[in-house]
Amino acid sequence: MDEADITKGKIAFVAPVARLLMEKKVGDEAILKLARDNRVFKIVAIAYG
């Protein structure tokens, strides 16, 4: 399993927000639906490593 480390800005690939962002590319938007509202994320950069 992918190692999450919040101090390094890394989240596990199985985290809901990570799964939401999979297959997205720069310029895309992703909407995370929460109990009380939605959060919109705009992809501005992608880094691997």
N, C-alpha and C. Protein backbone atom coordinates (compact mmCIF):
# COMPACT_ATOMS: atom_id res chain seq x y z
N MET A 1 0.85 -1.18 0.00
CA MET A 1 0.00 0.00 0.00
C MET A 1 0.89 1.23 0.00
N ASP A 2 0.41 2.26 -0.66
CA ASP A 2 1.10 3.54 -0.73
C ASP A 2 1.18 4.12 0.69
N GLU A 3 2.31 4.69 1.00
CA GLU A 3 2.49 5.27 2.33
C GLU A 3 2.05 6.73 2.36
N ALA A 4 1.18 7.06 3.26
CA ALA A 4 0.74 8.44 3.44
C ALA A 4 1.66 9.11 4.46
N ASP A 5 1.97 10.37 4.23
CA ASP A 5 2.78 11.15 5.17
C ASP A 5 2.38 12.61 5.03
N ILE A 6 1.49 13.05 5.88
CA ILE A 6 0.95 14.40 5.79
C ILE A 6 2.04 15.45 5.96
N THR A 7 3.09 15.14 6.70
CA THR A 7 4.17 16.12 6.88
C THR A 7 4.93 16.36 5.58
N LYS A 8 4.83 15.41 4.64
CA LYS A 8 5.47 15.56 3.33
C LYS A 8 4.45 15.89 2.24
N GLY A 9 3.21 16.14 2.65
CA GLY A 9 2.17 16.48 1.69
C GLY A 9 1.71 15.30 0.85
N LYS A 10 1.85 14.08 1.39
CA LYS A 10 1.46 12.88 0.65
C LYS A 10 0.24 12.23 1.30
N ILE A 11 -0.68 11.81 0.44
CA ILE A 11 -1.86 11.10 0.92
C ILE A 11 -1.89 9.71 0.30
N ALA A 12 -2.55 8.79 0.94
CA ALA A 12 -2.65 7.42 0.43
C ALA A 12 -3.54 7.41 -0.81
N PHE A 13 -3.21 6.57 -1.77
CA PHE A 13 -3.99 6.50 -3.01
C PHE A 13 -5.40 5.99 -2.77
N VAL A 14 -5.65 5.39 -1.62
CA VAL A 14 -7.00 4.90 -1.30
C VAL A 14 -7.85 5.94 -0.58
N ALA A 15 -7.27 7.09 -0.25
CA ALA A 15 -8.02 8.16 0.41
C ALA A 15 -9.08 8.70 -0.54
N PRO A 16 -10.26 9.07 -0.03
CA PRO A 16 -11.32 9.57 -0.91
C PRO A 16 -10.89 10.72 -1.81
N VAL A 17 -10.14 11.67 -1.30
CA VAL A 17 -9.72 12.79 -2.14
C VAL A 17 -8.72 12.34 -3.20
N ALA A 18 -7.87 11.38 -2.88
CA ALA A 18 -6.93 10.85 -3.87
C ALA A 18 -7.68 10.13 -4.98
N ARG A 19 -8.64 9.33 -4.63
CA ARG A 19 -9.43 8.60 -5.64
C ARG A 19 -10.20 9.57 -6.53
N LEU A 20 -10.67 10.67 -5.94
CA LEU A 20 -11.37 11.69 -6.71
C LEU A 20 -10.46 12.32 -7.77
N LEU A 21 -9.19 12.48 -7.44
CA LEU A 21 -8.26 13.17 -8.33
C LEU A 21 -7.63 12.26 -9.38
N MET A 22 -7.76 10.97 -9.22
CA MET A 22 -7.18 10.04 -10.20
C MET A 22 -7.80 10.29 -11.57
N GLU A 23 -6.99 10.18 -12.60
CA GLU A 23 -7.40 10.36 -13.99
C GLU A 23 -7.66 11.83 -14.36
N LYS A 24 -7.44 12.75 -13.42
CA LYS A 24 -7.60 14.17 -13.73
C LYS A 24 -6.30 14.68 -14.35
N LYS A 25 -6.43 15.79 -15.07
CA LYS A 25 -5.25 16.41 -15.66
C LYS A 25 -5.27 17.90 -15.36
N VAL A 26 -4.16 18.58 -15.60
CA VAL A 26 -4.06 20.00 -15.32
C VAL A 26 -5.18 20.73 -16.05
N GLY A 27 -5.86 21.60 -15.32
CA GLY A 27 -6.98 22.35 -15.87
C GLY A 27 -8.34 21.77 -15.50
N ASP A 28 -8.36 20.51 -15.09
CA ASP A 28 -9.62 19.87 -14.69
C ASP A 28 -10.06 20.37 -13.31
N GLU A 29 -11.33 20.18 -13.03
CA GLU A 29 -11.88 20.43 -11.70
C GLU A 29 -12.45 19.13 -11.17
N ALA A 30 -12.40 18.97 -9.86
CA ALA A 30 -12.96 17.80 -9.20
C ALA A 30 -13.81 18.30 -8.04
N ILE A 31 -14.97 17.70 -7.84
CA ILE A 31 -15.87 18.12 -6.77
C ILE A 31 -15.96 17.00 -5.74
N LEU A 32 -15.58 17.32 -4.52
CA LEU A 32 -15.67 16.39 -3.40
C LEU A 32 -16.97 16.69 -2.67
N LYS A 33 -17.88 15.75 -2.67
CA LYS A 33 -19.18 15.94 -2.04
C LYS A 33 -19.08 15.56 -0.56
N LEU A 34 -19.38 16.52 0.28
CA LEU A 34 -19.34 16.33 1.72
C LEU A 34 -20.77 16.34 2.26
N ALA A 35 -20.93 16.03 3.52
CA ALA A 35 -22.25 15.95 4.13
C ALA A 35 -23.00 17.29 4.03
N ARG A 36 -22.31 18.39 4.28
CA ARG A 36 -22.98 19.69 4.33
C ARG A 36 -22.73 20.57 3.12
N ASP A 37 -21.66 20.32 2.39
CA ASP A 37 -21.37 21.14 1.22
C ASP A 37 -20.43 20.38 0.28
N ASN A 38 -19.99 21.06 -0.73
CA ASN A 38 -19.06 20.48 -1.70
C ASN A 38 -17.77 21.28 -1.71
N ARG A 39 -16.66 20.63 -1.99
CA ARG A 39 -15.38 21.30 -2.16
C ARG A 39 -14.95 21.12 -3.60
N VAL A 40 -14.56 22.21 -4.24
CA VAL A 40 -14.13 22.16 -5.62
C VAL A 40 -12.61 22.32 -5.65
N PHE A 41 -11.95 21.40 -6.33
CA PHE A 41 -10.50 21.44 -6.49
C PHE A 41 -10.19 21.68 -7.96
N LYS A 42 -9.34 22.63 -8.26
CA LYS A 42 -8.88 22.85 -9.62
C LYS A 42 -7.44 22.34 -9.70
N ILE A 43 -7.17 21.50 -10.67
CA ILE A 43 -5.84 20.91 -10.83
C ILE A 43 -4.97 21.95 -11.52
N VAL A 44 -3.94 22.43 -10.82
CA VAL A 44 -3.03 23.43 -11.37
C VAL A 44 -1.67 22.86 -11.70
N ALA A 45 -1.31 21.73 -11.10
CA ALA A 45 -0.03 21.09 -11.37
C ALA A 45 -0.10 19.65 -10.92
N ILE A 46 0.74 18.83 -11.53
CA ILE A 46 0.84 17.42 -11.13
C ILE A 46 2.31 17.10 -10.98
N ALA A 47 2.66 16.52 -9.82
CA ALA A 47 4.04 16.14 -9.56
C ALA A 47 4.07 14.68 -9.13
N TYR A 48 5.03 13.95 -9.59
CA TYR A 48 5.22 12.56 -9.23
C TYR A 48 6.49 12.43 -8.42
N GLY A 49 6.47 11.51 -7.47
CA GLY A 49 7.74 11.29 -6.77
C GLY A 49 7.64 11.05 -5.34
